[in-house]
Amino acid sequence: MRFTGSDYKRSRRLRFSTLETGEELKKRPYGPGQHGNSRKRKPSEYGKQLIEKQKLRHMYGVNEKQFRRLFMLALKSKEVTGTAFFHILESRLDNLVFRMGFSRTRRGSKQLVNHGHITVNGKKVDIGSYICSVNDVIAVKEKSRNLKVIQEAIASTSQNVGYVDVNVEELKGTYTRLPERSELPQDINEAQVIEYYNRLL
């Protein structure tokens, strides 16, 4: 069984389920450590912005350098910056493998991609940060379809998000459209993330 202690502690510290399952907060919906349930000072405005940035970054499993680079791409977009940022993050290959139910977590989906088990439009892509386009077809390689972790993930997925169309029998899916904001986590305030990075520009 994969050790998930650090993920659970991180989620408890942020009071936010970075795994998007809520499992981390079921038993202990407070911060880790001896004083995790004690009162803490109200965070400053900068502190609030930092928390929102960390929630979003850890949810997608992106390091700080990559995260800032993706934000700069969103800033240059013709879309509203917050929406563009979400669209870029959701279009990452590792995220779409997770959204299609081929892995239980984004960390697991990143490993599937890195180990060469995933194709995009019929070609192997082993870079989790690869940005997919709408109508791209993402599939598990034929030789990898019987992997236990993939079969277990498929069995535990009740339904997929509305912007992917998945063929469970063939273990492939299509990124049909960009997600709407209402389909993405509602307890993240992307405006605070934008303000955080605006301080650094």
C-alpha atoms as a PDB file:
ATOM      1  CA  MET A   1       0.000   0.000   0.000  1.00  0.00           C
ATOM      2  CA  ARG A   2       1.395   3.406  -0.972  1.00  0.00           C
ATOM      3  CA  PHE A   3       2.311   5.687   1.916  1.00  0.00           C
ATOM      4  CA  THR A   4       0.081   8.752   1.901  1.00  0.00           C
ATOM      5  CA  GLY A   5       1.068  10.380   5.162  1.00  0.00           C
ATOM      6  CA  SER A   6       2.570  13.520   3.633  1.00  0.00           C
ATOM      7  CA  ASP A   7      -0.494  14.106   1.423  1.00  0.00           C
ATOM      8  CA  TYR A   8      -2.777  13.768   4.421  1.00  0.00           C
ATOM      9  CA  LYS A   9      -0.708  16.138   6.574  1.00  0.00           C
ATOM     10  CA  ARG A  10      -0.543  18.691   3.782  1.00  0.00           C
ATOM     11  CA  SER A  11      -4.304  18.585   3.292  1.00  0.00           C
ATOM     12  CA  ARG A  12      -4.926  18.938   7.015  1.00  0.00           C
ATOM     13  CA  ARG A  13      -2.531  21.878   7.209  1.00  0.00           C
ATOM     14  CA  LEU A  14      -4.372  23.626   4.356  1.00  0.00           C
ATOM     15  CA  ARG A  15      -7.796  22.370   5.567  1.00  0.00           C
ATOM     16  CA  PHE A  16      -8.448  21.373   1.967  1.00  0.00           C
ATOM     17  CA  SER A  17      -8.564  17.982   0.248  1.00  0.00           C
ATOM     18  CA  THR A  18      -5.741  18.109  -2.297  1.00  0.00           C
ATOM     19  CA  LEU A  19      -6.751  14.588  -3.386  1.00  0.00           C
ATOM     20  CA  GLU A  20     -10.303  15.866  -4.055  1.00  0.00           C
ATOM     21  CA  THR A  21     -11.770  12.901  -2.169  1.00  0.00           C
ATOM     22  CA  GLY A  22     -12.190  14.435   1.277  1.00  0.00           C
ATOM     23  CA  GLU A  23     -10.604  11.310   2.766  1.00  0.00           C
ATOM     24  CA  GLU A  24      -7.731  13.250   4.348  1.00  0.00           C
ATOM     25  CA  LEU A  25     -10.073  15.373   6.464  1.00  0.00           C
ATOM     26  CA  LYS A  26     -12.671  12.801   7.536  1.00  0.00           C
ATOM     27  CA  LYS A  27     -11.059  11.713  10.798  1.00  0.00           C
ATOM     28  CA  ARG A  28      -9.012  14.805  11.602  1.00  0.00           C
ATOM     29  CA  PRO A  29     -10.405  17.991  10.029  1.00  0.00           C
ATOM     30  CA  TYR A  30      -7.720  20.136  11.651  1.00  0.00           C
ATOM     31  CA  GLY A  31      -4.027  20.846  11.253  1.00  0.00           C
ATOM     32  CA  PRO A  32      -1.342  18.239  12.030  1.00  0.00           C
ATOM     33  CA  GLY A  33       0.731  18.220  15.184  1.00  0.00           C
ATOM     34  CA  GLN A  34       0.069  18.582  18.901  1.00  0.00           C
ATOM     35  CA  HIS A  35      -1.643  21.970  18.528  1.00  0.00           C
ATOM     36  CA  GLY A  36      -3.408  21.309  15.241  1.00  0.00           C
ATOM     37  CA  ASN A  37      -6.831  21.858  16.744  1.00  0.00           C
ATOM     38  CA  SER A  38      -5.962  25.003  18.697  1.00  0.00           C
ATOM     39  CA  ARG A  39      -6.891  28.516  17.693  1.00  0.00           C
ATOM     40  CA  LYS A  40      -4.523  30.312  15.423  1.00  0.00           C
ATOM     41  CA  ARG A  41      -4.190  33.948  14.517  1.00  0.00           C
ATOM     42  CA  LYS A  42      -6.226  35.078  11.560  1.00  0.00           C
ATOM     43  CA  PRO A  43      -3.925  35.066   8.498  1.00  0.00           C
ATOM     44  CA  SER A  44      -2.918  38.324   6.855  1.00  0.00           C
ATOM     45  CA  GLU A  45      -4.096  39.149   3.333  1.00  0.00           C
ATOM     46  CA  TYR A  46      -0.781  37.841   2.017  1.00  0.00           C
ATOM     47  CA  GLY A  47      -1.248  34.718   4.135  1.00  0.00           C
ATOM     48  CA  LYS A  48      -4.662  34.085   2.594  1.00  0.00           C
ATOM     49  CA  GLN A  49      -3.210  34.480  -0.899  1.00  0.00           C
ATOM     50  CA  LEU A  50      -0.371  32.091  -0.081  1.00  0.00           C
ATOM     51  CA  ILE A  51      -2.810  29.467   1.240  1.00  0.00           C
ATOM     52  CA  GLU A  52      -4.954  29.632  -1.903  1.00  0.00           C
ATOM     53  CA  LYS A  53      -1.860  29.332  -4.087  1.00  0.00           C
ATOM     54  CA  GLN A  54      -0.645  26.320  -2.109  1.00  0.00           C
ATOM     55  CA  LYS A  55      -4.056  24.646  -2.266  1.00  0.00           C
ATOM     56  CA  LEU A  56      -4.141  24.934  -6.045  1.00  0.00           C
ATOM     57  CA  ARG A  57      -0.494  23.976  -6.554  1.00  0.00           C
ATOM     58  CA  HIS A  58      -0.618  20.913  -4.329  1.00  0.00           C
ATOM     59  CA  MET A  59      -3.945  19.776  -5.766  1.00  0.00           C
ATOM     60  CA  TYR A  60      -2.423  19.575  -9.259  1.00  0.00           C
ATOM     61  CA  GLY A  61       0.928  18.319  -7.954  1.00  0.00           C
ATOM     62  CA  VAL A  62       3.017  20.987  -9.671  1.00  0.00           C
ATOM     63  CA  ASN A  63       6.276  22.349  -8.306  1.00  0.00           C
ATOM     64  CA  GLU A  64       6.650  26.065  -7.682  1.00  0.00           C
ATOM     65  CA  LYS A  65       8.792  26.798 -10.734  1.00  0.00           C
ATOM     66  CA  GLN A  66       6.359  25.055 -13.107  1.00  0.00           C
ATOM     67  CA  PHE A  67       3.370  26.600 -11.387  1.00  0.00           C
ATOM     68  CA  ARG A  68       4.667  30.125 -11.828  1.00  0.00           C
ATOM     69  CA  ARG A  69       5.526  29.431 -15.477  1.00  0.00           C
ATOM     70  CA  LEU A  70       1.977  28.201 -16.109  1.00  0.00           C
ATOM     71  CA  PHE A  71       0.593  31.298 -14.401  1.00  0.00           C
ATOM     72  CA  MET A  72       2.631  33.499 -16.747  1.00  0.00           C
ATOM     73  CA  LEU A  73       1.117  31.614 -19.710  1.00  0.00           C
ATOM     74  CA  ALA A  74      -2.353  32.270 -18.300  1.00  0.00           C
ATOM     75  CA  LEU A  75      -1.499  35.942 -17.836  1.00  0.00           C
ATOM     76  CA  LYS A  76      -0.719  36.246 -21.550  1.00  0.00           C
ATOM     77  CA  SER A  77      -3.953  34.512 -22.553  1.00  0.00           C
ATOM     78  CA  LYS A  78      -6.927  36.384 -24.012  1.00  0.00           C
ATOM     79  CA  GLU A  79      -9.130  34.620 -21.458  1.00  0.00           C
ATOM     80  CA  VAL A  80      -9.767  35.844 -17.932  1.00  0.00           C
ATOM     81  CA  THR A  81      -6.529  34.979 -16.122  1.00  0.00           C
ATOM     82  CA  GLY A  82      -8.087  32.761 -13.454  1.00  0.00           C
ATOM     83  CA  THR A  83     -10.095  30.795 -16.017  1.00  0.00           C
ATOM     84  CA  ALA A  84      -7.086  30.457 -18.323  1.00  0.00           C
ATOM     85  CA  PHE A  85      -4.965  29.204 -15.417  1.00  0.00           C
ATOM     86  CA  PHE A  86      -7.504  26.495 -14.576  1.00  0.00           C
ATOM     87  CA  HIS A  87      -7.758  25.510 -18.242  1.00  0.00           C
ATOM     88  CA  ILE A  88      -3.990  25.091 -18.516  1.00  0.00           C
ATOM     89  CA  LEU A  89      -3.808  23.039 -15.325  1.00  0.00           C
ATOM     90  CA  GLU A  90      -6.723  20.838 -16.376  1.00  0.00           C
ATOM     91  CA  SER A  91      -5.159  20.297 -19.814  1.00  0.00           C
ATOM     92  CA  ARG A  92      -2.012  18.707 -18.393  1.00  0.00           C
ATOM     93  CA  LEU A  93      -1.717  15.076 -19.438  1.00  0.00           C
ATOM     94  CA  ASP A  94      -1.249  13.763 -15.901  1.00  0.00           C
ATOM     95  CA  ASN A  95      -4.415  15.569 -14.815  1.00  0.00           C
ATOM     96  CA  LEU A  96      -6.476  14.202 -17.714  1.00  0.00           C
ATOM     97  CA  VAL A  97      -5.291  10.649 -17.022  1.00  0.00           C
ATOM     98  CA  PHE A  98      -6.587  11.198 -13.475  1.00  0.00           C
ATOM     99  CA  ARG A  99      -9.846  12.794 -14.670  1.00  0.00           C
ATOM    100  CA  MET A 100     -10.491   9.853 -16.999  1.00  0.00           C
ATOM    101  CA  GLY A 101     -10.239   7.460 -14.068  1.00  0.00           C
ATOM    102  CA  PHE A 102      -7.106   5.610 -15.170  1.00  0.00           C
ATOM    103  CA  SER A 103      -5.511   6.463 -11.823  1.00  0.00           C
ATOM    104  CA  ARG A 104      -6.902   7.180  -8.362  1.00  0.00           C
ATOM    105  CA  THR A 105      -4.603  10.149  -7.811  1.00  0.00           C
ATOM    106  CA  ARG A 106      -2.691  12.684  -9.861  1.00  0.00           C
ATOM    107  CA  ARG A 107       0.542  11.398  -8.373  1.00  0.00           C
ATOM    108  CA  GLY A 108      -0.340   7.930  -9.660  1.00  0.00           C
ATOM    109  CA  SER A 109      -1.292   9.307 -13.069  1.00  0.00           C
ATOM    110  CA  LYS A 110       2.030  11.131 -13.275  1.00  0.00           C
ATOM    111  CA  GLN A 111       3.809   7.802 -12.682  1.00  0.00           C
ATOM    112  CA  LEU A 112       1.741   6.084 -15.384  1.00  0.00           C
ATOM    113  CA  VAL A 113       2.738   8.789 -17.850  1.00  0.00           C
ATOM    114  CA  ASN A 114       6.408   8.861 -16.818  1.00  0.00           C
ATOM    115  CA  HIS A 115       6.669   5.070 -17.137  1.00  0.00           C
ATOM    116  CA  GLY A 116       5.404   5.162 -20.717  1.00  0.00           C
ATOM    117  CA  HIS A 117       1.958   3.599 -20.224  1.00  0.00           C
ATOM    118  CA  ILE A 118      -0.013   6.449 -21.869  1.00  0.00           C
ATOM    119  CA  THR A 119      -0.467   7.588 -25.465  1.00  0.00           C
ATOM    120  CA  VAL A 120      -1.873  10.796 -26.933  1.00  0.00           C
ATOM    121  CA  ASN A 121      -3.401  10.446 -30.383  1.00  0.00           C
ATOM    122  CA  GLY A 122      -1.673   7.084 -30.739  1.00  0.00           C
ATOM    123  CA  LYS A 123       1.826   8.275 -29.812  1.00  0.00           C
ATOM    124  CA  LYS A 124       3.545   7.566 -26.482  1.00  0.00           C
ATOM    125  CA  VAL A 125       3.966  10.668 -24.333  1.00  0.00           C
ATOM    126  CA  ASP A 126       5.956  10.262 -21.108  1.00  0.00           C
ATOM    127  CA  ILE A 127       5.858  13.864 -19.877  1.00  0.00           C
ATOM    128  CA  GLY A 128       3.168  14.512 -17.277  1.00  0.00           C
ATOM    129  CA  SER A 129       3.229  18.257 -17.862  1.00  0.00           C
ATOM    130  CA  TYR A 130       2.427  17.843 -21.573  1.00  0.00           C
ATOM    131  CA  ILE A 131      -0.442  20.222 -22.429  1.00  0.00           C
ATOM    132  CA  CYS A 132      -3.220  18.468 -24.321  1.00  0.00           C
ATOM    133  CA  SER A 133      -5.613  20.113 -26.751  1.00  0.00           C
ATOM    134  CA  VAL A 134      -9.363  19.706 -27.000  1.00  0.00           C
ATOM    135  CA  ASN A 135     -10.230  16.560 -29.033  1.00  0.00           C
ATOM    136  CA  ASP A 136      -6.963  14.822 -28.124  1.00  0.00           C
ATOM    137  CA  VAL A 137      -7.444  11.087 -27.528  1.00  0.00           C
ATOM    138  CA  ILE A 138      -5.662   9.777 -24.437  1.00  0.00           C
ATOM    139  CA  ALA A 139      -5.280   6.017 -24.024  1.00  0.00           C
ATOM    140  CA  VAL A 140      -3.575   3.350 -21.962  1.00  0.00           C
ATOM    141  CA  LYS A 141      -1.114   1.398 -24.104  1.00  0.00           C
ATOM    142  CA  GLU A 142      -2.412  -2.031 -25.057  1.00  0.00           C
ATOM    143  CA  LYS A 143       0.428  -3.800 -23.209  1.00  0.00           C
ATOM    144  CA  SER A 144      -0.398  -1.848 -20.031  1.00  0.00           C
ATOM    145  CA  ARG A 145      -4.157  -2.413 -19.885  1.00  0.00           C
ATOM    146  CA  ASN A 146      -3.953  -5.256 -17.375  1.00  0.00           C
ATOM    147  CA  LEU A 147      -1.894  -3.310 -14.844  1.00  0.00           C
ATOM    148  CA  LYS A 148      -3.428  -3.803 -11.415  1.00  0.00           C
ATOM    149  CA  VAL A 149      -3.293  -0.108 -10.476  1.00  0.00           C
ATOM    150  CA  ILE A 150      -5.215   0.838 -13.625  1.00  0.00           C
ATOM    151  CA  GLN A 151      -7.833  -1.884 -13.211  1.00  0.00           C
ATOM    152  CA  GLU A 152      -8.359  -0.924  -9.555  1.00  0.00           C
ATOM    153  CA  ALA A 153      -8.695   2.750 -10.490  1.00  0.00           C
ATOM    154  CA  ILE A 154     -11.291   1.996 -13.181  1.00  0.00           C
ATOM    155  CA  ALA A 155     -13.253  -0.202 -10.762  1.00  0.00           C
ATOM    156  CA  SER A 156     -13.340   2.550  -8.127  1.00  0.00           C
ATOM    157  CA  THR A 157     -14.381   5.382 -10.472  1.00  0.00           C
ATOM    158  CA  SER A 158     -18.137   5.908 -10.412  1.00  0.00           C
ATOM    159  CA  GLN A 159     -18.292   8.678 -13.009  1.00  0.00           C
ATOM    160  CA  ASN A 160     -16.054  11.046 -14.928  1.00  0.00           C
ATOM    161  CA  VAL A 161     -16.182  14.804 -15.330  1.00  0.00           C
ATOM    162  CA  GLY A 162     -18.292  16.234 -18.149  1.00  0.00           C
ATOM    163  CA  TYR A 163     -15.423  17.409 -20.336  1.00  0.00           C
ATOM    164  CA  VAL A 164     -13.951  13.959 -20.982  1.00  0.00           C
ATOM    165  CA  ASP A 165     -15.577  11.071 -22.838  1.00  0.00           C
ATOM    166  CA  VAL A 166     -14.200   7.708 -21.674  1.00  0.00           C
ATOM    167  CA  ASN A 167     -14.420   4.267 -23.249  1.00  0.00           C
ATOM    168  CA  VAL A 168     -13.784   1.980 -20.276  1.00  0.00           C
ATOM    169  CA  GLU A 169     -13.554  -1.209 -22.366  1.00  0.00           C
ATOM    170  CA  GLU A 170     -10.795   0.226 -24.578  1.00  0.00           C
ATOM    171  CA  LEU A 171      -9.230   2.309 -21.786  1.00  0.00           C
ATOM    172  CA  LYS A 172      -9.153   5.478 -23.817  1.00  0.00           C
ATOM    173  CA  GLY A 173     -10.833   8.838 -23.596  1.00  0.00           C
ATOM    174  CA  THR A 174     -11.267  12.105 -25.448  1.00  0.00           C
ATOM    175  CA  TYR A 175     -10.749  15.573 -24.012  1.00  0.00           C
ATOM    176  CA  THR A 176     -13.972  16.914 -25.518  1.00  0.00           C
ATOM    177  CA  ARG A 177     -13.953  20.529 -24.322  1.00  0.00           C
ATOM    178  CA  LEU A 178     -12.476  22.965 -21.833  1.00  0.00           C
ATOM    179  CA  PRO A 179     -14.092  22.701 -18.398  1.00  0.00           C
ATOM    180  CA  GLU A 180     -16.486  25.323 -17.093  1.00  0.00           C
ATOM    181  CA  ARG A 181     -15.610  27.026 -13.820  1.00  0.00           C
ATOM    182  CA  SER A 182     -18.628  25.410 -12.141  1.00  0.00           C
ATOM    183  CA  GLU A 183     -17.106  21.979 -12.849  1.00  0.00           C
ATOM    184  CA  LEU A 184     -13.889  22.793 -10.986  1.00  0.00           C
ATOM    185  CA  PRO A 185     -13.215  22.985  -7.228  1.00  0.00           C
ATOM    186  CA  GLN A 186     -15.401  25.683  -5.724  1.00  0.00           C
ATOM    187  CA  ASP A 187     -13.394  26.090  -2.520  1.00  0.00           C
ATOM    188  CA  ILE A 188     -10.404  27.620  -4.291  1.00  0.00           C
ATOM    189  CA  ASN A 189     -10.355  31.367  -4.763  1.00  0.00           C
ATOM    190  CA  GLU A 190      -8.263  31.880  -7.899  1.00  0.00           C
ATOM    191  CA  ALA A 191      -8.479  35.667  -7.509  1.00  0.00           C
ATOM    192  CA  GLN A 192      -6.292  35.320  -4.410  1.00  0.00           C
ATOM    193  CA  VAL A 193      -3.778  33.281  -6.419  1.00  0.00           C
ATOM    194  CA  ILE A 194      -3.662  36.023  -9.059  1.00  0.00           C
ATOM    195  CA  GLU A 195      -3.113  38.657  -6.371  1.00  0.00           C
ATOM    196  CA  TYR A 196      -0.298  36.562  -4.889  1.00  0.00           C
ATOM    197  CA  TYR A 197       1.620  36.488  -8.170  1.00  0.00           C
ATOM    198  CA  ASN A 198       0.804  40.098  -9.007  1.00  0.00           C
ATOM    199  CA  ARG A 199       2.832  41.035  -5.929  1.00  0.00           C
ATOM    200  CA  LEU A 200       5.854  39.356  -7.515  1.00  0.00           C
ATOM    201  CA  LEU A 201       5.588  40.972 -10.947  1.00  0.00           C
END
